[in-house]
């Protein structure tokens, strides 16, 4: 069973897998509907893609945060994943503005001694992108984060109460084990979740690079941010993830939802069969669109 999960993981996770000619044509068409570029603010460079105005009919703005090894074009490149969400919206006649943000293939939002990337995104990047789009104009601001991007979307929404109306977390990197956990705690985590050890080590190494101390982890981890959340401004959350997530994120994701519900924060839990990074496309599309 674990071998089958690994095979599915290798086939599904990579955003740069070989596509058929038809799939490449679909992606090419979608790319033409976006304007992509880069910007440098305060000597910090980031890349973005914005859906062209002529391809929208709604003032809502959807911010997308990509997964590990992804980039600003991941939203429309992943024809099997997030692009399907967009197609559901179009089927329902909902064509919101879409903005994607990237600082490279690997980044976690944080406010630490070495970096204030989280504050930079909320105070500089989002206002700059919305100025390019003509402002919010009475629309609603939503967020979708996938895997690593799920961590970023959850972090940003909890650090900035009221910034987003709805937040969809797709196979989010929400871990129930700290990057500073003991070896025994990590072993117990792997045993409980049946995660792949090499992926857990990868997850821990990346997190330790960004959060070198336990206190910095507590100050930025969405689980701790939610635990200490006091604001009356509350986003609505949807968490959808594979029950056999190869990183073991299903455990932390479930805990996140339980904690949010315990604080009377609207939060839906939608597990699906499969490994990382499986999620329900149609329900995600419906959740963001709203009633």
C-alpha atoms as a PDB file:
ATOM      1  CA  UNK A   1       0.000   0.000   0.000  1.00  0.00           C
ATOM      2  CA  UNK A   2       2.832   2.406   0.853  1.00  0.00           C
ATOM      3  CA  UNK A   3       4.508   1.573  -2.480  1.00  0.00           C
ATOM      4  CA  UNK A   4       1.308   2.455  -4.329  1.00  0.00           C
ATOM      5  CA  UNK A   5       1.057   5.726  -2.381  1.00  0.00           C
ATOM      6  CA  UNK A   6       4.654   6.594  -3.274  1.00  0.00           C
ATOM      7  CA  UNK A   7       3.999   5.953  -6.964  1.00  0.00           C
ATOM      8  CA  UNK A   8       0.895   8.166  -6.894  1.00  0.00           C
ATOM      9  CA  UNK A   9       2.862  10.828  -5.030  1.00  0.00           C
ATOM     10  CA  UNK A  10       5.587  10.904  -7.663  1.00  0.00           C
ATOM     11  CA  UNK A  11       3.019  11.114 -10.423  1.00  0.00           C
ATOM     12  CA  UNK A  12       0.895  13.823  -8.818  1.00  0.00           C
ATOM     13  CA  UNK A  13       3.054  16.132  -6.727  1.00  0.00           C
ATOM     14  CA  UNK A  14       5.468  17.424  -9.351  1.00  0.00           C
ATOM     15  CA  UNK A  15       4.211  20.578 -11.010  1.00  0.00           C
ATOM     16  CA  UNK A  16       6.569  20.047 -13.898  1.00  0.00           C
ATOM     17  CA  UNK A  17       5.555  16.580 -15.040  1.00  0.00           C
ATOM     18  CA  UNK A  18       5.302  15.857 -18.751  1.00  0.00           C
ATOM     19  CA  UNK A  19       1.928  16.852 -20.188  1.00  0.00           C
ATOM     20  CA  UNK A  20       0.179  15.825 -23.386  1.00  0.00           C
ATOM     21  CA  UNK A  21      -0.004  18.222 -26.310  1.00  0.00           C
ATOM     22  CA  UNK A  22      -3.655  18.939 -25.482  1.00  0.00           C
ATOM     23  CA  UNK A  23      -2.805  19.723 -21.861  1.00  0.00           C
ATOM     24  CA  UNK A  24       0.030  21.998 -22.963  1.00  0.00           C
ATOM     25  CA  UNK A  25      -2.408  23.809 -25.263  1.00  0.00           C
ATOM     26  CA  UNK A  26      -4.842  24.330 -22.372  1.00  0.00           C
ATOM     27  CA  UNK A  27      -2.074  25.722 -20.154  1.00  0.00           C
ATOM     28  CA  UNK A  28      -0.858  27.978 -22.980  1.00  0.00           C
ATOM     29  CA  UNK A  29      -4.359  29.378 -23.453  1.00  0.00           C
ATOM     30  CA  UNK A  30      -4.724  30.038 -19.744  1.00  0.00           C
ATOM     31  CA  UNK A  31      -1.304  31.689 -19.544  1.00  0.00           C
ATOM     32  CA  UNK A  32      -2.404  34.147 -22.229  1.00  0.00           C
ATOM     33  CA  UNK A  33      -5.220  35.268 -19.904  1.00  0.00           C
ATOM     34  CA  UNK A  34      -2.713  36.405 -17.260  1.00  0.00           C
ATOM     35  CA  UNK A  35      -0.077  39.099 -17.120  1.00  0.00           C
ATOM     36  CA  UNK A  36       3.011  37.943 -15.241  1.00  0.00           C
ATOM     37  CA  UNK A  37       5.982  39.957 -14.095  1.00  0.00           C
ATOM     38  CA  UNK A  38       8.311  40.816 -11.256  1.00  0.00           C
ATOM     39  CA  UNK A  39       8.697  43.724  -8.885  1.00  0.00           C
ATOM     40  CA  UNK A  40      11.325  44.855  -6.404  1.00  0.00           C
ATOM     41  CA  UNK A  41      10.285  46.704  -3.263  1.00  0.00           C
ATOM     42  CA  UNK A  42      12.772  47.610  -0.523  1.00  0.00           C
ATOM     43  CA  UNK A  43      15.373  45.521  -2.394  1.00  0.00           C
ATOM     44  CA  UNK A  44      13.153  42.416  -2.142  1.00  0.00           C
ATOM     45  CA  UNK A  45      12.167  40.840  -5.449  1.00  0.00           C
ATOM     46  CA  UNK A  46       9.068  38.753  -6.037  1.00  0.00           C
ATOM     47  CA  UNK A  47       7.184  37.464  -9.053  1.00  0.00           C
ATOM     48  CA  UNK A  48       3.464  37.534  -9.682  1.00  0.00           C
ATOM     49  CA  UNK A  49       0.704  36.795 -12.177  1.00  0.00           C
ATOM     50  CA  UNK A  50      -2.544  38.749 -12.463  1.00  0.00           C
ATOM     51  CA  UNK A  51      -5.594  37.643 -14.389  1.00  0.00           C
ATOM     52  CA  UNK A  52      -6.305  40.130 -17.170  1.00  0.00           C
ATOM     53  CA  UNK A  53      -9.380  42.342 -16.572  1.00  0.00           C
ATOM     54  CA  UNK A  54     -11.111  41.231 -19.792  1.00  0.00           C
ATOM     55  CA  UNK A  55     -11.201  37.678 -18.415  1.00  0.00           C
ATOM     56  CA  UNK A  56     -12.962  38.643 -15.185  1.00  0.00           C
ATOM     57  CA  UNK A  57     -16.542  39.564 -14.325  1.00  0.00           C
ATOM     58  CA  UNK A  58     -16.317  39.843 -10.534  1.00  0.00           C
ATOM     59  CA  UNK A  59     -14.527  42.212  -8.151  1.00  0.00           C
ATOM     60  CA  UNK A  60     -13.404  39.465  -5.757  1.00  0.00           C
ATOM     61  CA  UNK A  61      -9.644  38.877  -5.607  1.00  0.00           C
ATOM     62  CA  UNK A  62      -8.262  35.373  -5.060  1.00  0.00           C
ATOM     63  CA  UNK A  63      -4.668  35.182  -3.852  1.00  0.00           C
ATOM     64  CA  UNK A  64      -2.922  31.897  -4.594  1.00  0.00           C
ATOM     65  CA  UNK A  65       0.120  30.639  -2.695  1.00  0.00           C
ATOM     66  CA  UNK A  66       1.903  27.800  -4.496  1.00  0.00           C
ATOM     67  CA  UNK A  67       3.539  24.665  -3.143  1.00  0.00           C
ATOM     68  CA  UNK A  68       7.154  23.565  -2.880  1.00  0.00           C
ATOM     69  CA  UNK A  69       9.092  23.858  -6.197  1.00  0.00           C
ATOM     70  CA  UNK A  70       6.220  25.864  -7.686  1.00  0.00           C
ATOM     71  CA  UNK A  71       6.197  29.420  -8.975  1.00  0.00           C
ATOM     72  CA  UNK A  72       3.897  32.276  -9.913  1.00  0.00           C
ATOM     73  CA  UNK A  73       2.528  30.296 -12.881  1.00  0.00           C
ATOM     74  CA  UNK A  74       1.570  27.228 -10.852  1.00  0.00           C
ATOM     75  CA  UNK A  75      -2.095  28.255 -10.652  1.00  0.00           C
ATOM     76  CA  UNK A  76      -2.769  27.722 -14.348  1.00  0.00           C
ATOM     77  CA  UNK A  77       0.028  25.226 -14.985  1.00  0.00           C
ATOM     78  CA  UNK A  78      -1.515  22.585 -12.718  1.00  0.00           C
ATOM     79  CA  UNK A  79      -4.201  21.567 -15.175  1.00  0.00           C
ATOM     80  CA  UNK A  80      -5.095  18.554 -12.970  1.00  0.00           C
ATOM     81  CA  UNK A  81      -5.462  20.621  -9.817  1.00  0.00           C
ATOM     82  CA  UNK A  82      -5.990  24.330  -9.351  1.00  0.00           C
ATOM     83  CA  UNK A  83      -6.874  24.973 -12.977  1.00  0.00           C
ATOM     84  CA  UNK A  84      -9.884  22.691 -12.468  1.00  0.00           C
ATOM     85  CA  UNK A  85     -11.011  24.974  -9.630  1.00  0.00           C
ATOM     86  CA  UNK A  86     -10.964  27.875 -12.063  1.00  0.00           C
ATOM     87  CA  UNK A  87     -12.904  25.843 -14.631  1.00  0.00           C
ATOM     88  CA  UNK A  88     -15.617  25.131 -12.055  1.00  0.00           C
ATOM     89  CA  UNK A  89     -15.895  28.852 -11.415  1.00  0.00           C
ATOM     90  CA  UNK A  90     -16.218  29.581 -15.100  1.00  0.00           C
ATOM     91  CA  UNK A  91     -18.879  26.882 -15.429  1.00  0.00           C
ATOM     92  CA  UNK A  92     -20.863  28.697 -12.731  1.00  0.00           C
ATOM     93  CA  UNK A  93     -20.275  32.106 -14.343  1.00  0.00           C
ATOM     94  CA  UNK A  94     -17.896  33.285 -11.614  1.00  0.00           C
ATOM     95  CA  UNK A  95     -14.725  34.910 -12.955  1.00  0.00           C
ATOM     96  CA  UNK A  96     -12.922  36.614 -10.085  1.00  0.00           C
ATOM     97  CA  UNK A  97      -9.637  38.438 -10.279  1.00  0.00           C
ATOM     98  CA  UNK A  98      -6.711  36.117  -9.475  1.00  0.00           C
ATOM     99  CA  UNK A  99      -3.306  37.102  -8.143  1.00  0.00           C
ATOM    100  CA  UNK A 100      -0.403  34.734  -7.550  1.00  0.00           C
ATOM    101  CA  UNK A 101       2.734  35.510  -5.549  1.00  0.00           C
ATOM    102  CA  UNK A 102       6.129  33.793  -5.529  1.00  0.00           C
ATOM    103  CA  UNK A 103       9.485  34.331  -3.861  1.00  0.00           C
ATOM    104  CA  UNK A 104      10.952  31.240  -5.524  1.00  0.00           C
ATOM    105  CA  UNK A 105      10.467  27.513  -5.219  1.00  0.00           C
ATOM    106  CA  UNK A 106      10.830  27.369  -1.428  1.00  0.00           C
ATOM    107  CA  UNK A 107       9.650  30.006   1.034  1.00  0.00           C
ATOM    108  CA  UNK A 108       7.686  30.186   4.258  1.00  0.00           C
ATOM    109  CA  UNK A 109       6.114  33.403   5.449  1.00  0.00           C
ATOM    110  CA  UNK A 110       7.659  34.533   8.702  1.00  0.00           C
ATOM    111  CA  UNK A 111       8.408  37.409  11.003  1.00  0.00           C
ATOM    112  CA  UNK A 112      11.700  36.489  12.671  1.00  0.00           C
ATOM    113  CA  UNK A 113      14.910  38.218  13.672  1.00  0.00           C
ATOM    114  CA  UNK A 114      16.365  37.638  10.209  1.00  0.00           C
ATOM    115  CA  UNK A 115      13.270  38.225   8.097  1.00  0.00           C
ATOM    116  CA  UNK A 116       9.973  40.091   8.081  1.00  0.00           C
ATOM    117  CA  UNK A 117       8.618  38.457   4.935  1.00  0.00           C
ATOM    118  CA  UNK A 118       5.127  38.118   6.352  1.00  0.00           C
ATOM    119  CA  UNK A 119       4.826  41.806   7.154  1.00  0.00           C
ATOM    120  CA  UNK A 120       6.346  42.631   3.761  1.00  0.00           C
ATOM    121  CA  UNK A 121       3.631  40.659   1.942  1.00  0.00           C
ATOM    122  CA  UNK A 122       0.736  42.120   3.927  1.00  0.00           C
ATOM    123  CA  UNK A 123       1.968  45.726   3.954  1.00  0.00           C
ATOM    124  CA  UNK A 124       3.767  46.020   0.600  1.00  0.00           C
ATOM    125  CA  UNK A 125       3.053  43.197  -1.852  1.00  0.00           C
ATOM    126  CA  UNK A 126      -0.722  42.926  -1.533  1.00  0.00           C
ATOM    127  CA  UNK A 127      -1.298  46.720  -1.682  1.00  0.00           C
ATOM    128  CA  UNK A 128       0.996  46.959  -4.714  1.00  0.00           C
ATOM    129  CA  UNK A 129      -0.781  44.150  -6.579  1.00  0.00           C
ATOM    130  CA  UNK A 130      -4.206  45.543  -5.759  1.00  0.00           C
ATOM    131  CA  UNK A 131      -3.142  48.949  -7.040  1.00  0.00           C
ATOM    132  CA  UNK A 132      -2.281  47.261 -10.350  1.00  0.00           C
ATOM    133  CA  UNK A 133      -5.755  45.681 -10.337  1.00  0.00           C
ATOM    134  CA  UNK A 134      -7.538  48.948  -9.598  1.00  0.00           C
ATOM    135  CA  UNK A 135      -8.172  48.283  -5.913  1.00  0.00           C
ATOM    136  CA  UNK A 136     -10.583  45.955  -4.165  1.00  0.00           C
ATOM    137  CA  UNK A 137     -13.572  47.956  -5.479  1.00  0.00           C
ATOM    138  CA  UNK A 138     -16.031  46.475  -3.001  1.00  0.00           C
ATOM    139  CA  UNK A 139     -15.090  42.867  -3.762  1.00  0.00           C
ATOM    140  CA  UNK A 140     -14.008  40.265  -1.246  1.00  0.00           C
ATOM    141  CA  UNK A 141     -10.458  39.117  -0.729  1.00  0.00           C
ATOM    142  CA  UNK A 142      -9.909  35.335  -0.498  1.00  0.00           C
ATOM    143  CA  UNK A 143      -6.867  33.053  -0.338  1.00  0.00           C
ATOM    144  CA  UNK A 144      -6.011  29.582  -1.572  1.00  0.00           C
ATOM    145  CA  UNK A 145      -2.831  27.886  -0.419  1.00  0.00           C
ATOM    146  CA  UNK A 146      -1.504  24.520  -1.544  1.00  0.00           C
ATOM    147  CA  UNK A 147       0.929  22.445   0.547  1.00  0.00           C
ATOM    148  CA  UNK A 148       3.712  24.895   1.511  1.00  0.00           C
ATOM    149  CA  UNK A 149       1.358  27.606   0.288  1.00  0.00           C
ATOM    150  CA  UNK A 150      -1.252  26.292   2.718  1.00  0.00           C
ATOM    151  CA  UNK A 151       1.112  27.125   5.567  1.00  0.00           C
ATOM    152  CA  UNK A 152       1.595  30.587   4.068  1.00  0.00           C
ATOM    153  CA  UNK A 153      -2.115  31.259   3.535  1.00  0.00           C
ATOM    154  CA  UNK A 154      -3.019  30.102   7.052  1.00  0.00           C
ATOM    155  CA  UNK A 155      -0.148  32.090   8.587  1.00  0.00           C
ATOM    156  CA  UNK A 156      -1.012  35.300   6.719  1.00  0.00           C
ATOM    157  CA  UNK A 157      -4.733  35.122   7.519  1.00  0.00           C
ATOM    158  CA  UNK A 158      -4.131  34.553  11.244  1.00  0.00           C
ATOM    159  CA  UNK A 159      -1.419  37.220  11.493  1.00  0.00           C
ATOM    160  CA  UNK A 160      -3.709  39.736   9.776  1.00  0.00           C
ATOM    161  CA  UNK A 161      -7.284  39.360  11.062  1.00  0.00           C
ATOM    162  CA  UNK A 162      -9.831  40.402   8.460  1.00  0.00           C
ATOM    163  CA  UNK A 163      -7.375  40.362   5.553  1.00  0.00           C
ATOM    164  CA  UNK A 164      -9.141  37.438   3.866  1.00  0.00           C
ATOM    165  CA  UNK A 165     -12.801  36.512   3.885  1.00  0.00           C
ATOM    166  CA  UNK A 166     -12.378  32.837   2.953  1.00  0.00           C
ATOM    167  CA  UNK A 167      -9.240  30.709   3.060  1.00  0.00           C
ATOM    168  CA  UNK A 168      -9.000  27.323   1.329  1.00  0.00           C
ATOM    169  CA  UNK A 169      -6.106  25.157   2.507  1.00  0.00           C
ATOM    170  CA  UNK A 170      -5.280  22.400   0.021  1.00  0.00           C
ATOM    171  CA  UNK A 171      -3.138  19.604   1.497  1.00  0.00           C
ATOM    172  CA  UNK A 172      -1.639  22.297   3.755  1.00  0.00           C
ATOM    173  CA  UNK A 173       1.754  21.924   5.404  1.00  0.00           C
ATOM    174  CA  UNK A 174       0.291  22.019   8.900  1.00  0.00           C
ATOM    175  CA  UNK A 175       2.382  19.736  11.048  1.00  0.00           C
ATOM    176  CA  UNK A 176       1.612  18.365  14.487  1.00  0.00           C
ATOM    177  CA  UNK A 177       5.337  17.891  15.104  1.00  0.00           C
ATOM    178  CA  UNK A 178       7.705  20.793  15.678  1.00  0.00           C
ATOM    179  CA  UNK A 179      10.906  21.186  13.628  1.00  0.00           C
ATOM    180  CA  UNK A 180      12.636  21.241  17.030  1.00  0.00           C
ATOM    181  CA  UNK A 181      11.032  18.012  18.246  1.00  0.00           C
ATOM    182  CA  UNK A 182      13.139  15.228  19.709  1.00  0.00           C
ATOM    183  CA  UNK A 183      14.066  12.179  17.640  1.00  0.00           C
ATOM    184  CA  UNK A 184      11.575  10.108  19.588  1.00  0.00           C
ATOM    185  CA  UNK A 185       8.786  12.600  18.957  1.00  0.00           C
ATOM    186  CA  UNK A 186       9.573  12.504  15.244  1.00  0.00           C
ATOM    187  CA  UNK A 187       9.569   8.697  15.252  1.00  0.00           C
ATOM    188  CA  UNK A 188       6.207   8.689  17.016  1.00  0.00           C
ATOM    189  CA  UNK A 189       4.854  11.145  14.459  1.00  0.00           C
ATOM    190  CA  UNK A 190       5.972   8.945  11.563  1.00  0.00           C
ATOM    191  CA  UNK A 191       4.465   5.886  13.221  1.00  0.00           C
ATOM    192  CA  UNK A 192       1.113   7.588  13.876  1.00  0.00           C
ATOM    193  CA  UNK A 193       0.713   9.240  10.481  1.00  0.00           C
ATOM    194  CA  UNK A 194       2.512   6.612   8.361  1.00  0.00           C
ATOM    195  CA  UNK A 195       4.368   9.465   6.678  1.00  0.00           C
ATOM    196  CA  UNK A 196       7.460   8.782   4.591  1.00  0.00           C
ATOM    197  CA  UNK A 197      10.531   9.351   6.805  1.00  0.00           C
ATOM    198  CA  UNK A 198      12.551  11.097   4.075  1.00  0.00           C
ATOM    199  CA  UNK A 199       9.732  13.597   3.509  1.00  0.00           C
ATOM    200  CA  UNK A 200       9.397  14.266   7.234  1.00  0.00           C
ATOM    201  CA  UNK A 201      13.129  14.956   7.425  1.00  0.00           C
ATOM    202  CA  UNK A 202      12.801  17.273   4.436  1.00  0.00           C
ATOM    203  CA  UNK A 203       9.932  19.122   6.110  1.00  0.00           C
ATOM    204  CA  UNK A 204      11.863  19.517   9.358  1.00  0.00           C
ATOM    205  CA  UNK A 205      15.043  20.723   7.635  1.00  0.00           C
ATOM    206  CA  UNK A 206      13.185  23.397   5.673  1.00  0.00           C
ATOM    207  CA  UNK A 207      11.357  24.608   8.775  1.00  0.00           C
ATOM    208  CA  UNK A 208      14.535  24.742  10.857  1.00  0.00           C
ATOM    209  CA  UNK A 209      16.213  26.935   8.248  1.00  0.00           C
ATOM    210  CA  UNK A 210      13.433  29.508   8.504  1.00  0.00           C
ATOM    211  CA  UNK A 211      12.669  29.101  12.219  1.00  0.00           C
ATOM    212  CA  UNK A 212      15.995  28.369  13.944  1.00  0.00           C
ATOM    213  CA  UNK A 213      14.545  28.624  17.456  1.00  0.00           C
ATOM    214  CA  UNK A 214      11.474  27.102  19.081  1.00  0.00           C
ATOM    215  CA  UNK A 215      10.209  30.560  20.032  1.00  0.00           C
ATOM    216  CA  UNK A 216      10.367  31.740  16.427  1.00  0.00           C
ATOM    217  CA  UNK A 217       8.443  28.630  15.414  1.00  0.00           C
ATOM    218  CA  UNK A 218       5.755  29.379  18.004  1.00  0.00           C
ATOM    219  CA  UNK A 219       5.539  32.979  16.827  1.00  0.00           C
ATOM    220  CA  UNK A 220       4.837  31.921  13.231  1.00  0.00           C
ATOM    221  CA  UNK A 221       3.378  28.413  13.069  1.00  0.00           C
ATOM    222  CA  UNK A 222      -0.344  28.587  12.129  1.00  0.00           C
ATOM    223  CA  UNK A 223      -1.174  26.050  14.845  1.00  0.00           C
ATOM    224  CA  UNK A 224       0.242  28.325  17.559  1.00  0.00           C
ATOM    225  CA  UNK A 225      -1.192  31.436  15.924  1.00  0.00           C
ATOM    226  CA  UNK A 226      -4.638  29.851  15.972  1.00  0.00           C
ATOM    227  CA  UNK A 227      -4.228  28.673  19.555  1.00  0.00           C
ATOM    228  CA  UNK A 228      -3.510  32.253  20.647  1.00  0.00           C
ATOM    229  CA  UNK A 229      -5.977  33.945  18.289  1.00  0.00           C
ATOM    230  CA  UNK A 230      -7.997  36.666  20.046  1.00  0.00           C
ATOM    231  CA  UNK A 231      -9.459  38.861  17.299  1.00  0.00           C
ATOM    232  CA  UNK A 232     -13.193  39.044  16.621  1.00  0.00           C
ATOM    233  CA  UNK A 233     -12.368  39.292  12.898  1.00  0.00           C
ATOM    234  CA  UNK A 234     -12.467  35.751  11.568  1.00  0.00           C
ATOM    235  CA  UNK A 235     -11.814  34.196   8.191  1.00  0.00           C
ATOM    236  CA  UNK A 236     -13.717  31.109   7.118  1.00  0.00           C
ATOM    237  CA  UNK A 237     -11.550  28.049   6.493  1.00  0.00           C
ATOM    238  CA  UNK A 238     -11.821  24.970   4.322  1.00  0.00           C
ATOM    239  CA  UNK A 239      -9.200  22.267   4.803  1.00  0.00           C
ATOM    240  CA  UNK A 240      -9.095  19.414   2.292  1.00  0.00           C
ATOM    241  CA  UNK A 241      -6.313  16.836   2.273  1.00  0.00           C
ATOM    242  CA  UNK A 242      -5.474  13.216   1.473  1.00  0.00           C
ATOM    243  CA  UNK A 243      -6.015  10.797   4.344  1.00  0.00           C
ATOM    244  CA  UNK A 244      -2.672   9.168   3.564  1.00  0.00           C
ATOM    245  CA  UNK A 245      -0.722  12.388   3.192  1.00  0.00           C
ATOM    246  CA  UNK A 246       2.887  11.427   2.585  1.00  0.00           C
ATOM    247  CA  UNK A 247       4.170  14.115   4.979  1.00  0.00           C
ATOM    248  CA  UNK A 248       1.614  13.206   7.636  1.00  0.00           C
ATOM    249  CA  UNK A 249      -0.063  16.616   7.312  1.00  0.00           C
ATOM    250  CA  UNK A 250      -3.522  15.074   7.703  1.00  0.00           C
ATOM    251  CA  UNK A 251      -2.999  14.930  11.480  1.00  0.00           C
ATOM    252  CA  UNK A 252      -2.056  18.582  11.898  1.00  0.00           C
ATOM    253  CA  UNK A 253      -4.757  19.675   9.459  1.00  0.00           C
ATOM    254  CA  UNK A 254      -7.404  17.877  11.464  1.00  0.00           C
ATOM    255  CA  UNK A 255      -6.116  19.437  14.675  1.00  0.00           C
ATOM    256  CA  UNK A 256      -6.224  22.873  13.023  1.00  0.00           C
ATOM    257  CA  UNK A 257      -9.895  22.425  12.114  1.00  0.00           C
ATOM    258  CA  UNK A 258     -10.806  21.121  15.575  1.00  0.00           C
ATOM    259  CA  UNK A 259      -9.034  24.055  17.219  1.00  0.00           C
ATOM    260  CA  UNK A 260     -10.724  26.572  14.905  1.00  0.00           C
ATOM    261  CA  UNK A 261     -14.147  25.087  15.563  1.00  0.00           C
ATOM    262  CA  UNK A 262     -13.413  25.183  19.293  1.00  0.00           C
ATOM    263  CA  UNK A 263     -12.941  28.943  18.944  1.00  0.00           C
ATOM    264  CA  UNK A 264     -16.200  29.250  16.980  1.00  0.00           C
ATOM    265  CA  UNK A 265     -14.286  29.997  13.783  1.00  0.00           C
ATOM    266  CA  UNK A 266     -16.043  28.574  10.729  1.00  0.00           C
ATOM    267  CA  UNK A 267     -13.861  25.706   9.545  1.00  0.00           C
ATOM    268  CA  UNK A 268     -14.734  22.719   7.356  1.00  0.00           C
ATOM    269  CA  UNK A 269     -12.785  19.466   7.197  1.00  0.00           C
ATOM    270  CA  UNK A 270     -12.878  17.575   3.896  1.00  0.00           C
ATOM    271  CA  UNK A 271     -10.496  14.603   3.718  1.00  0.00           C
ATOM    272  CA  UNK A 272     -10.175  12.623   0.493  1.00  0.00           C
ATOM    273  CA  UNK A 273      -8.488   9.302  -0.324  1.00  0.00           C
ATOM    274  CA  UNK A 274      -4.860   9.414  -1.372  1.00  0.00           C
ATOM    275  CA  UNK A 275      -1.403  10.806  -0.539  1.00  0.00           C
ATOM    276  CA  UNK A 276       0.082  14.277  -0.798  1.00  0.00           C
ATOM    277  CA  UNK A 277      -1.220  16.457  -2.471  1.00  0.00           C
ATOM    278  CA  UNK A 278      -4.830  15.343  -2.944  1.00  0.00           C
ATOM    279  CA  UNK A 279      -7.796  17.670  -2.402  1.00  0.00           C
ATOM    280  CA  UNK A 280     -11.401  18.200  -3.497  1.00  0.00           C
ATOM    281  CA  UNK A 281     -11.488  20.643  -6.401  1.00  0.00           C
ATOM    282  CA  UNK A 282     -15.249  21.158  -6.758  1.00  0.00           C
ATOM    283  CA  UNK A 283     -15.882  21.821  -3.074  1.00  0.00           C
ATOM    284  CA  UNK A 284     -12.932  24.207  -2.956  1.00  0.00           C
ATOM    285  CA  UNK A 285     -14.354  26.129  -5.901  1.00  0.00           C
ATOM    286  CA  UNK A 286     -17.795  26.281  -4.289  1.00  0.00           C
ATOM    287  CA  UNK A 287     -16.377  27.339  -0.907  1.00  0.00           C
ATOM    288  CA  UNK A 288     -14.443  30.282  -2.350  1.00  0.00           C
ATOM    289  CA  UNK A 289     -17.332  31.357  -4.586  1.00  0.00           C
ATOM    290  CA  UNK A 290     -19.696  31.312  -1.618  1.00  0.00           C
ATOM    291  CA  UNK A 291     -23.478  31.381  -1.800  1.00  0.00           C
END
